[in-house]
Structure formats: C-alpha cells, structure tokens
Amino acid sequence: MNQDCRIIKCAALACAIAASALPGVASADESEWAVRLGVTQLTPANKSDSFTALNLNFPADAVHVSKKTLPEFDIFYSFSPNIVAELVLTVPQRHTVTLGGPTQGAELGYFKELPPTLLAQYHFLPGTQFDPYAGAGLNFTWINPVHLSVAGTTLDLKKSSFGPAVQLGVDSNIDKTWFVNLDFKYILLRTDVSAGGTKLTTARVDPTLVSLGVGYRF
C-alpha cells in the first residue's frame, strides 16, 4: 500500500468516526463558536517525478517549493463537546520555486496560492485543561497567479488541487473562554507542471504545517 492510500484511508476513518457522533449537540452551557489566531510554519515535501525539458534530464524531486511562515485564522463550530468542525483560513501566500538537477539552484519564479481547509475534529478530553484531538477533512488550494519560466520558456501549474488533510493537536484551556493551541496538519497537495500545454512532471508539494495559536470561545 503506497503512502497516498494510507493517508486517504486514515482521513476516511477519522471522518467516519466524527460522522458517527454528529447526532449529539452541544449542551446549553457549552460555547458552540470559537475562533483562533495563530502562526503556521509550512514545509513542503518537495517530491516530483523525473522529466526531460530543454534537452536536459531532470531527476526525481528536482522541483522545490519554498517554506513559508504564514498567519492562520480558524473558525470552529461545536456539534457536541467531542465533535468540532474547523475552517482553516489564511491570506494568499507567495512561494518561490527553484529547480535542481542540471540547473542546480536555478530560480524559476513564483506562484501564489490560497489553501482553505475544512476539518472534522474529535476531542478526547473536552472540558479538561489539556484536550487532545484528531481530525480529518478536505483541502482546496487555488493557485493563481503563476510566474514561472526557465531559459525563456514559460511554465504553468494546474490552478486547483483537492486533497485530504489530517491533523493532530491539543488545546490548553486557560479558562472557559481562552485557550492556547498546538496543531500539526498534513495535506495531500499535487499540481502538474507544464510548458506549452505539455505536462512535464507532477509536483507533490504535500506540506506539513505546524501551528501555534491563541483561541477565544464566544
């Protein structure tokens, strides 16, 4: 079983667990809505297939997308103390792309992306000071604009990508209103790299995201 299948099966299992508990609703004294503001470090996996372009042979993993530190804004809705939906938002992010292989370190340009993610979380110890959780859901990444080229040849990326997302995290509850959060997410994000309408390779960005934030329950 390859890595993609394992990730998708884990995401499906987590969603099934969350869905099985959805009939419960939050009690009257529990806050249904919350928000969180945080800082996230995005680290791409930078995997790609080997390809030939401009009469040069490029090895696997030659396409490199830059790391990024970005702001994160999250909105939460609690169906019950254990089951929480999370919408992950940020502002459009700019990434630099470089190319390894025969043109080691050559900068190709940049692209911008917007990656909202919707997750279903299961909280194991709701109402306690330390509340660990696991989640799974779906990421949609919109890539635009794209300004990439090599040796005068314009490169393009597939503009949209859907992929599963999984997460692990913990809320440290300061009181009934405020909490501090540490969160880890892994997203399956793929985009085709093409030149003149011909596909060269698939960039498997597959970022890992580590977030630290402060939240507020209404």
C-alpha atoms as a PDB file:
ATOM      1  CA  MET A   1       0.000   0.000   0.000  1.00  0.00           C
ATOM      2  CA  ASN A   2       1.512   3.359  -1.014  1.00  0.00           C
ATOM      3  CA  GLN A   3       1.648   6.479   1.156  1.00  0.00           C
ATOM      4  CA  ASP A   4      -1.244   8.211  -0.661  1.00  0.00           C
ATOM      5  CA  CYS A   5      -3.598   5.277   0.002  1.00  0.00           C
ATOM      6  CA  ARG A   6      -2.643   5.174   3.682  1.00  0.00           C
ATOM      7  CA  ILE A   7      -3.296   8.901   4.109  1.00  0.00           C
ATOM      8  CA  ILE A   8      -6.667   8.744   2.325  1.00  0.00           C
ATOM      9  CA  LYS A   9      -7.764   5.714   4.392  1.00  0.00           C
ATOM     10  CA  CYS A  10      -6.764   7.490   7.636  1.00  0.00           C
ATOM     11  CA  ALA A  11      -8.720  10.579   6.579  1.00  0.00           C
ATOM     12  CA  ALA A  12     -11.772   8.486   5.696  1.00  0.00           C
ATOM     13  CA  LEU A  13     -11.619   6.628   9.017  1.00  0.00           C
ATOM     14  CA  ALA A  14     -11.385   9.840  11.029  1.00  0.00           C
ATOM     15  CA  CYS A  15     -14.307  11.358   9.105  1.00  0.00           C
ATOM     16  CA  ALA A  16     -16.373   8.213   9.716  1.00  0.00           C
ATOM     17  CA  ILE A  17     -15.689   8.386  13.458  1.00  0.00           C
ATOM     18  CA  ALA A  18     -16.681  12.050  13.521  1.00  0.00           C
ATOM     19  CA  ALA A  19     -19.820  11.429  11.468  1.00  0.00           C
ATOM     20  CA  SER A  20     -20.967   8.638  13.798  1.00  0.00           C
ATOM     21  CA  ALA A  21     -21.141  11.121  16.645  1.00  0.00           C
ATOM     22  CA  LEU A  22     -22.824  14.024  14.817  1.00  0.00           C
ATOM     23  CA  PRO A  23     -26.341  13.438  16.238  1.00  0.00           C
ATOM     24  CA  GLY A  24     -25.133  14.858  19.585  1.00  0.00           C
ATOM     25  CA  VAL A  25     -25.448  18.613  20.104  1.00  0.00           C
ATOM     26  CA  ALA A  26     -23.597  20.988  22.373  1.00  0.00           C
ATOM     27  CA  SER A  27     -25.194  21.466  25.768  1.00  0.00           C
ATOM     28  CA  ALA A  28     -26.682  24.830  26.685  1.00  0.00           C
ATOM     29  CA  ASP A  29     -23.686  25.842  28.803  1.00  0.00           C
ATOM     30  CA  GLU A  30     -21.098  24.937  26.147  1.00  0.00           C
ATOM     31  CA  SER A  31     -19.900  27.530  23.642  1.00  0.00           C
ATOM     32  CA  GLU A  32     -20.717  26.482  20.070  1.00  0.00           C
ATOM     33  CA  TRP A  33     -18.496  29.032  18.305  1.00  0.00           C
ATOM     34  CA  ALA A  34     -14.804  29.805  18.703  1.00  0.00           C
ATOM     35  CA  VAL A  35     -12.019  31.490  16.741  1.00  0.00           C
ATOM     36  CA  ARG A  36      -8.247  31.128  16.792  1.00  0.00           C
ATOM     37  CA  LEU A  37      -5.394  33.276  15.514  1.00  0.00           C
ATOM     38  CA  GLY A  38      -2.001  31.664  15.052  1.00  0.00           C
ATOM     39  CA  VAL A  39       1.309  31.421  13.237  1.00  0.00           C
ATOM     40  CA  THR A  40       1.973  28.437  10.957  1.00  0.00           C
ATOM     41  CA  GLN A  41       5.186  27.023   9.506  1.00  0.00           C
ATOM     42  CA  LEU A  42       4.512  25.345   6.143  1.00  0.00           C
ATOM     43  CA  THR A  43       7.154  22.844   4.994  1.00  0.00           C
ATOM     44  CA  PRO A  44       6.648  21.243   1.548  1.00  0.00           C
ATOM     45  CA  ALA A  45       7.654  17.617   0.946  1.00  0.00           C
ATOM     46  CA  ASN A  46       9.054  18.654  -2.466  1.00  0.00           C
ATOM     47  CA  LYS A  47       8.576  15.383  -4.315  1.00  0.00           C
ATOM     48  CA  SER A  48       8.309  15.220  -8.119  1.00  0.00           C
ATOM     49  CA  ASP A  49       8.801  12.786 -10.985  1.00  0.00           C
ATOM     50  CA  SER A  50      11.870  12.881 -13.222  1.00  0.00           C
ATOM     51  CA  PHE A  51      11.366  14.655 -16.553  1.00  0.00           C
ATOM     52  CA  THR A  52      13.137  15.956 -19.676  1.00  0.00           C
ATOM     53  CA  ALA A  53      12.966  19.596 -20.764  1.00  0.00           C
ATOM     54  CA  LEU A  54      15.168  21.821 -22.941  1.00  0.00           C
ATOM     55  CA  ASN A  55      17.138  18.672 -23.881  1.00  0.00           C
ATOM     56  CA  LEU A  56      18.116  18.250 -20.227  1.00  0.00           C
ATOM     57  CA  ASN A  57      17.250  15.338 -17.938  1.00  0.00           C
ATOM     58  CA  PHE A  58      15.975  16.354 -14.518  1.00  0.00           C
ATOM     59  CA  PRO A  59      15.998  13.777 -11.705  1.00  0.00           C
ATOM     60  CA  ALA A  60      13.136  12.999  -9.359  1.00  0.00           C
ATOM     61  CA  ASP A  61      12.447  15.642  -6.702  1.00  0.00           C
ATOM     62  CA  ALA A  62      14.083  18.420  -8.754  1.00  0.00           C
ATOM     63  CA  VAL A  63      11.196  20.881  -8.205  1.00  0.00           C
ATOM     64  CA  HIS A  64      11.496  22.746  -4.904  1.00  0.00           C
ATOM     65  CA  VAL A  65       8.793  24.980  -3.407  1.00  0.00           C
ATOM     66  CA  SER A  66       9.910  27.363  -0.650  1.00  0.00           C
ATOM     67  CA  LYS A  67       8.955  27.029   3.004  1.00  0.00           C
ATOM     68  CA  LYS A  68       6.620  29.666   4.386  1.00  0.00           C
ATOM     69  CA  THR A  69       5.677  31.185   7.731  1.00  0.00           C
ATOM     70  CA  LEU A  70       2.109  32.420   7.486  1.00  0.00           C
ATOM     71  CA  PRO A  71      -0.757  33.744   9.594  1.00  0.00           C
ATOM     72  CA  GLU A  72      -3.663  31.396  10.241  1.00  0.00           C
ATOM     73  CA  PHE A  73      -7.246  32.223  11.203  1.00  0.00           C
ATOM     74  CA  ASP A  74      -9.576  29.413  12.252  1.00  0.00           C
ATOM     75  CA  ILE A  75     -13.317  29.299  12.866  1.00  0.00           C
ATOM     76  CA  PHE A  76     -14.821  26.475  14.969  1.00  0.00           C
ATOM     77  CA  TYR A  77     -18.356  25.159  15.446  1.00  0.00           C
ATOM     78  CA  SER A  78     -19.071  22.529  18.131  1.00  0.00           C
ATOM     79  CA  PHE A  79     -21.756  19.961  17.323  1.00  0.00           C
ATOM     80  CA  SER A  80     -21.092  18.405  20.742  1.00  0.00           C
ATOM     81  CA  PRO A  81     -18.273  18.629  23.311  1.00  0.00           C
ATOM     82  CA  ASN A  82     -16.413  15.923  21.367  1.00  0.00           C
ATOM     83  CA  ILE A  83     -17.219  16.806  17.736  1.00  0.00           C
ATOM     84  CA  VAL A  84     -15.961  20.095  16.307  1.00  0.00           C
ATOM     85  CA  ALA A  85     -15.822  21.454  12.754  1.00  0.00           C
ATOM     86  CA  GLU A  86     -12.860  23.691  11.864  1.00  0.00           C
ATOM     87  CA  LEU A  87     -12.447  26.017   8.882  1.00  0.00           C
ATOM     88  CA  VAL A  88      -8.779  26.941   8.335  1.00  0.00           C
ATOM     89  CA  LEU A  89      -8.142  30.245   6.556  1.00  0.00           C
ATOM     90  CA  THR A  90      -5.190  32.437   5.662  1.00  0.00           C
ATOM     91  CA  VAL A  91      -4.293  35.177   3.173  1.00  0.00           C
ATOM     92  CA  PRO A  92      -2.840  34.361  -0.293  1.00  0.00           C
ATOM     93  CA  GLN A  93       0.725  33.088   0.055  1.00  0.00           C
ATOM     94  CA  ARG A  94       3.660  33.582  -2.330  1.00  0.00           C
ATOM     95  CA  HIS A  95       6.126  30.724  -2.873  1.00  0.00           C
ATOM     96  CA  THR A  96       9.431  30.758  -4.735  1.00  0.00           C
ATOM     97  CA  VAL A  97      10.194  27.755  -6.967  1.00  0.00           C
ATOM     98  CA  THR A  98      13.725  26.525  -7.694  1.00  0.00           C
ATOM     99  CA  LEU A  99      14.959  23.686  -9.861  1.00  0.00           C
ATOM    100  CA  GLY A 100      17.634  21.130  -9.046  1.00  0.00           C
ATOM    101  CA  GLY A 101      19.429  18.686 -11.316  1.00  0.00           C
ATOM    102  CA  PRO A 102      21.401  20.100 -14.316  1.00  0.00           C
ATOM    103  CA  THR A 103      20.368  23.664 -13.353  1.00  0.00           C
ATOM    104  CA  GLN A 104      21.051  23.258  -9.630  1.00  0.00           C
ATOM    105  CA  GLY A 105      19.500  26.096  -7.641  1.00  0.00           C
ATOM    106  CA  ALA A 106      18.039  27.939 -10.651  1.00  0.00           C
ATOM    107  CA  GLU A 107      15.137  30.139  -9.559  1.00  0.00           C
ATOM    108  CA  LEU A 108      12.108  29.670 -11.802  1.00  0.00           C
ATOM    109  CA  GLY A 109       9.962  32.437 -10.339  1.00  0.00           C
ATOM    110  CA  TYR A 110       6.978  32.298  -8.014  1.00  0.00           C
ATOM    111  CA  PHE A 111       3.313  31.469  -7.644  1.00  0.00           C
ATOM    112  CA  LYS A 112       0.606  32.459  -5.170  1.00  0.00           C
ATOM    113  CA  GLU A 113      -1.852  30.094  -3.541  1.00  0.00           C
ATOM    114  CA  LEU A 114      -4.892  30.213  -1.262  1.00  0.00           C
ATOM    115  CA  PRO A 115      -5.498  26.959   0.676  1.00  0.00           C
ATOM    116  CA  PRO A 116      -8.758  26.865   2.751  1.00  0.00           C
ATOM    117  CA  THR A 117      -9.252  23.580   4.618  1.00  0.00           C
ATOM    118  CA  LEU A 118     -12.361  22.133   6.281  1.00  0.00           C
ATOM    119  CA  LEU A 119     -11.806  19.571   9.056  1.00  0.00           C
ATOM    120  CA  ALA A 120     -13.865  17.463  11.464  1.00  0.00           C
ATOM    121  CA  GLN A 121     -12.200  17.033  14.862  1.00  0.00           C
ATOM    122  CA  TYR A 122     -12.748  14.514  17.643  1.00  0.00           C
ATOM    123  CA  HIS A 123     -11.810  15.896  21.080  1.00  0.00           C
ATOM    124  CA  PHE A 124     -10.817  13.195  23.548  1.00  0.00           C
ATOM    125  CA  LEU A 125     -10.996  15.159  26.827  1.00  0.00           C
ATOM    126  CA  PRO A 126     -13.336  18.122  26.317  1.00  0.00           C
ATOM    127  CA  GLY A 127     -13.628  20.478  29.270  1.00  0.00           C
ATOM    128  CA  THR A 128     -10.260  19.474  30.773  1.00  0.00           C
ATOM    129  CA  GLN A 129      -7.180  21.661  30.918  1.00  0.00           C
ATOM    130  CA  PHE A 130      -5.391  19.670  28.194  1.00  0.00           C
ATOM    131  CA  ASP A 131      -7.706  18.499  25.428  1.00  0.00           C
ATOM    132  CA  PRO A 132      -6.007  16.454  22.659  1.00  0.00           C
ATOM    133  CA  TYR A 133      -7.820  15.913  19.372  1.00  0.00           C
ATOM    134  CA  ALA A 134      -7.511  14.265  15.972  1.00  0.00           C
ATOM    135  CA  GLY A 135      -9.090  15.489  12.782  1.00  0.00           C
ATOM    136  CA  ALA A 136      -9.528  14.847   9.086  1.00  0.00           C
ATOM    137  CA  GLY A 137     -11.071  16.677   6.181  1.00  0.00           C
ATOM    138  CA  LEU A 138     -10.549  18.229   2.765  1.00  0.00           C
ATOM    139  CA  ASN A 139      -8.202  20.914   1.461  1.00  0.00           C
ATOM    140  CA  PHE A 140      -8.805  23.029  -1.625  1.00  0.00           C
ATOM    141  CA  THR A 141      -5.828  25.001  -2.949  1.00  0.00           C
ATOM    142  CA  TRP A 142      -6.272  27.685  -5.609  1.00  0.00           C
ATOM    143  CA  ILE A 143      -3.019  28.570  -7.417  1.00  0.00           C
ATOM    144  CA  ASN A 144      -3.009  31.943  -9.165  1.00  0.00           C
ATOM    145  CA  PRO A 145      -1.126  33.870 -10.460  1.00  0.00           C
ATOM    146  CA  VAL A 146       1.792  31.780 -11.751  1.00  0.00           C
ATOM    147  CA  HIS A 147       5.014  33.500 -12.878  1.00  0.00           C
ATOM    148  CA  LEU A 148       7.454  30.691 -13.718  1.00  0.00           C
ATOM    149  CA  SER A 149       9.905  30.268 -16.586  1.00  0.00           C
ATOM    150  CA  VAL A 150      13.178  28.546 -17.443  1.00  0.00           C
ATOM    151  CA  ALA A 151      15.547  29.620 -20.229  1.00  0.00           C
ATOM    152  CA  GLY A 152      12.839  31.816 -21.732  1.00  0.00           C
ATOM    153  CA  THR A 153      10.207  29.045 -21.676  1.00  0.00           C
ATOM    154  CA  THR A 154       7.070  29.846 -19.685  1.00  0.00           C
ATOM    155  CA  LEU A 155       5.947  27.209 -17.207  1.00  0.00           C
ATOM    156  CA  ASP A 156       2.438  26.759 -15.837  1.00  0.00           C
ATOM    157  CA  LEU A 157       0.834  24.981 -12.891  1.00  0.00           C
ATOM    158  CA  LYS A 158      -2.561  23.333 -12.565  1.00  0.00           C
ATOM    159  CA  LYS A 159      -4.665  26.030 -10.917  1.00  0.00           C
ATOM    160  CA  SER A 160      -6.691  23.923  -8.463  1.00  0.00           C
ATOM    161  CA  SER A 161      -5.970  20.978  -6.187  1.00  0.00           C
ATOM    162  CA  PHE A 162      -8.257  18.963  -3.891  1.00  0.00           C
ATOM    163  CA  GLY A 163      -6.713  16.630  -1.330  1.00  0.00           C
ATOM    164  CA  PRO A 164      -7.319  15.020   2.069  1.00  0.00           C
ATOM    165  CA  ALA A 165      -5.960  16.626   5.203  1.00  0.00           C
ATOM    166  CA  VAL A 166      -5.271  15.024   8.589  1.00  0.00           C
ATOM    167  CA  GLN A 167      -4.363  16.694  11.870  1.00  0.00           C
ATOM    168  CA  LEU A 168      -3.341  16.122  15.479  1.00  0.00           C
ATOM    169  CA  GLY A 169      -3.338  18.799  18.136  1.00  0.00           C
ATOM    170  CA  VAL A 170      -4.012  19.837  21.693  1.00  0.00           C
ATOM    171  CA  ASP A 171      -5.904  22.718  23.286  1.00  0.00           C
ATOM    172  CA  SER A 172      -4.563  24.046  26.577  1.00  0.00           C
ATOM    173  CA  ASN A 173      -7.560  25.693  28.226  1.00  0.00           C
ATOM    174  CA  ILE A 174      -6.663  28.781  30.254  1.00  0.00           C
ATOM    175  CA  ASP A 175     -10.309  29.224  31.330  1.00  0.00           C
ATOM    176  CA  LYS A 176     -13.760  28.667  29.775  1.00  0.00           C
ATOM    177  CA  THR A 177     -13.105  31.421  27.236  1.00  0.00           C
ATOM    178  CA  TRP A 178      -9.413  31.455  26.307  1.00  0.00           C
ATOM    179  CA  PHE A 179      -7.184  28.617  25.139  1.00  0.00           C
ATOM    180  CA  VAL A 180      -3.721  28.073  23.640  1.00  0.00           C
ATOM    181  CA  ASN A 181      -3.310  25.578  20.811  1.00  0.00           C
ATOM    182  CA  LEU A 182      -0.572  23.462  19.207  1.00  0.00           C
ATOM    183  CA  ASP A 183      -1.552  21.802  15.940  1.00  0.00           C
ATOM    184  CA  PHE A 184       0.043  19.552  13.279  1.00  0.00           C
ATOM    185  CA  LYS A 185      -1.507  19.082   9.844  1.00  0.00           C
ATOM    186  CA  TYR A 186      -0.513  17.080   6.759  1.00  0.00           C
ATOM    187  CA  ILE A 187      -2.139  17.873   3.403  1.00  0.00           C
ATOM    188  CA  LEU A 188      -2.037  15.950   0.142  1.00  0.00           C
ATOM    189  CA  LEU A 189      -1.400  18.695  -2.442  1.00  0.00           C
ATOM    190  CA  ARG A 190      -0.457  17.911  -6.058  1.00  0.00           C
ATOM    191  CA  THR A 191      -0.108  20.149  -9.117  1.00  0.00           C
ATOM    192  CA  ASP A 192       1.008  19.431 -12.687  1.00  0.00           C
ATOM    193  CA  VAL A 193       3.929  21.434 -14.105  1.00  0.00           C
ATOM    194  CA  SER A 194       3.590  22.066 -17.833  1.00  0.00           C
ATOM    195  CA  ALA A 195       5.227  24.006 -20.672  1.00  0.00           C
ATOM    196  CA  GLY A 196       3.367  24.961 -23.846  1.00  0.00           C
ATOM    197  CA  GLY A 197       0.441  22.794 -22.782  1.00  0.00           C
ATOM    198  CA  THR A 198       2.640  19.703 -22.365  1.00  0.00           C
ATOM    199  CA  LYS A 199       2.893  18.169 -18.912  1.00  0.00           C
ATOM    200  CA  LEU A 200       6.478  17.863 -17.659  1.00  0.00           C
ATOM    201  CA  THR A 201       6.002  16.467 -14.154  1.00  0.00           C
ATOM    202  CA  THR A 202       3.698  16.387 -11.141  1.00  0.00           C
ATOM    203  CA  ALA A 203       4.894  18.377  -8.141  1.00  0.00           C
ATOM    204  CA  ARG A 204       3.857  16.613  -4.938  1.00  0.00           C
ATOM    205  CA  VAL A 205       4.007  19.551  -2.541  1.00  0.00           C
ATOM    206  CA  ASP A 206       2.297  17.610   0.308  1.00  0.00           C
ATOM    207  CA  PRO A 207       3.008  20.197   3.027  1.00  0.00           C
ATOM    208  CA  THR A 208       3.373  19.614   6.753  1.00  0.00           C
ATOM    209  CA  LEU A 209       2.015  22.513   8.809  1.00  0.00           C
ATOM    210  CA  VAL A 210       2.891  23.234  12.437  1.00  0.00           C
ATOM    211  CA  SER A 211       0.780  25.918  14.123  1.00  0.00           C
ATOM    212  CA  LEU A 212       0.809  27.734  17.448  1.00  0.00           C
ATOM    213  CA  GLY A 213      -2.153  29.941  18.292  1.00  0.00           C
ATOM    214  CA  VAL A 214      -4.458  31.556  20.799  1.00  0.00           C
ATOM    215  CA  GLY A 215      -8.215  30.936  20.710  1.00  0.00           C
ATOM    216  CA  TYR A 216     -11.369  32.533  22.082  1.00  0.00           C
ATOM    217  CA  ARG A 217     -14.778  30.882  22.730  1.00  0.00           C
ATOM    218  CA  PHE A 218     -17.877  33.061  22.448  1.00  0.00           C
END
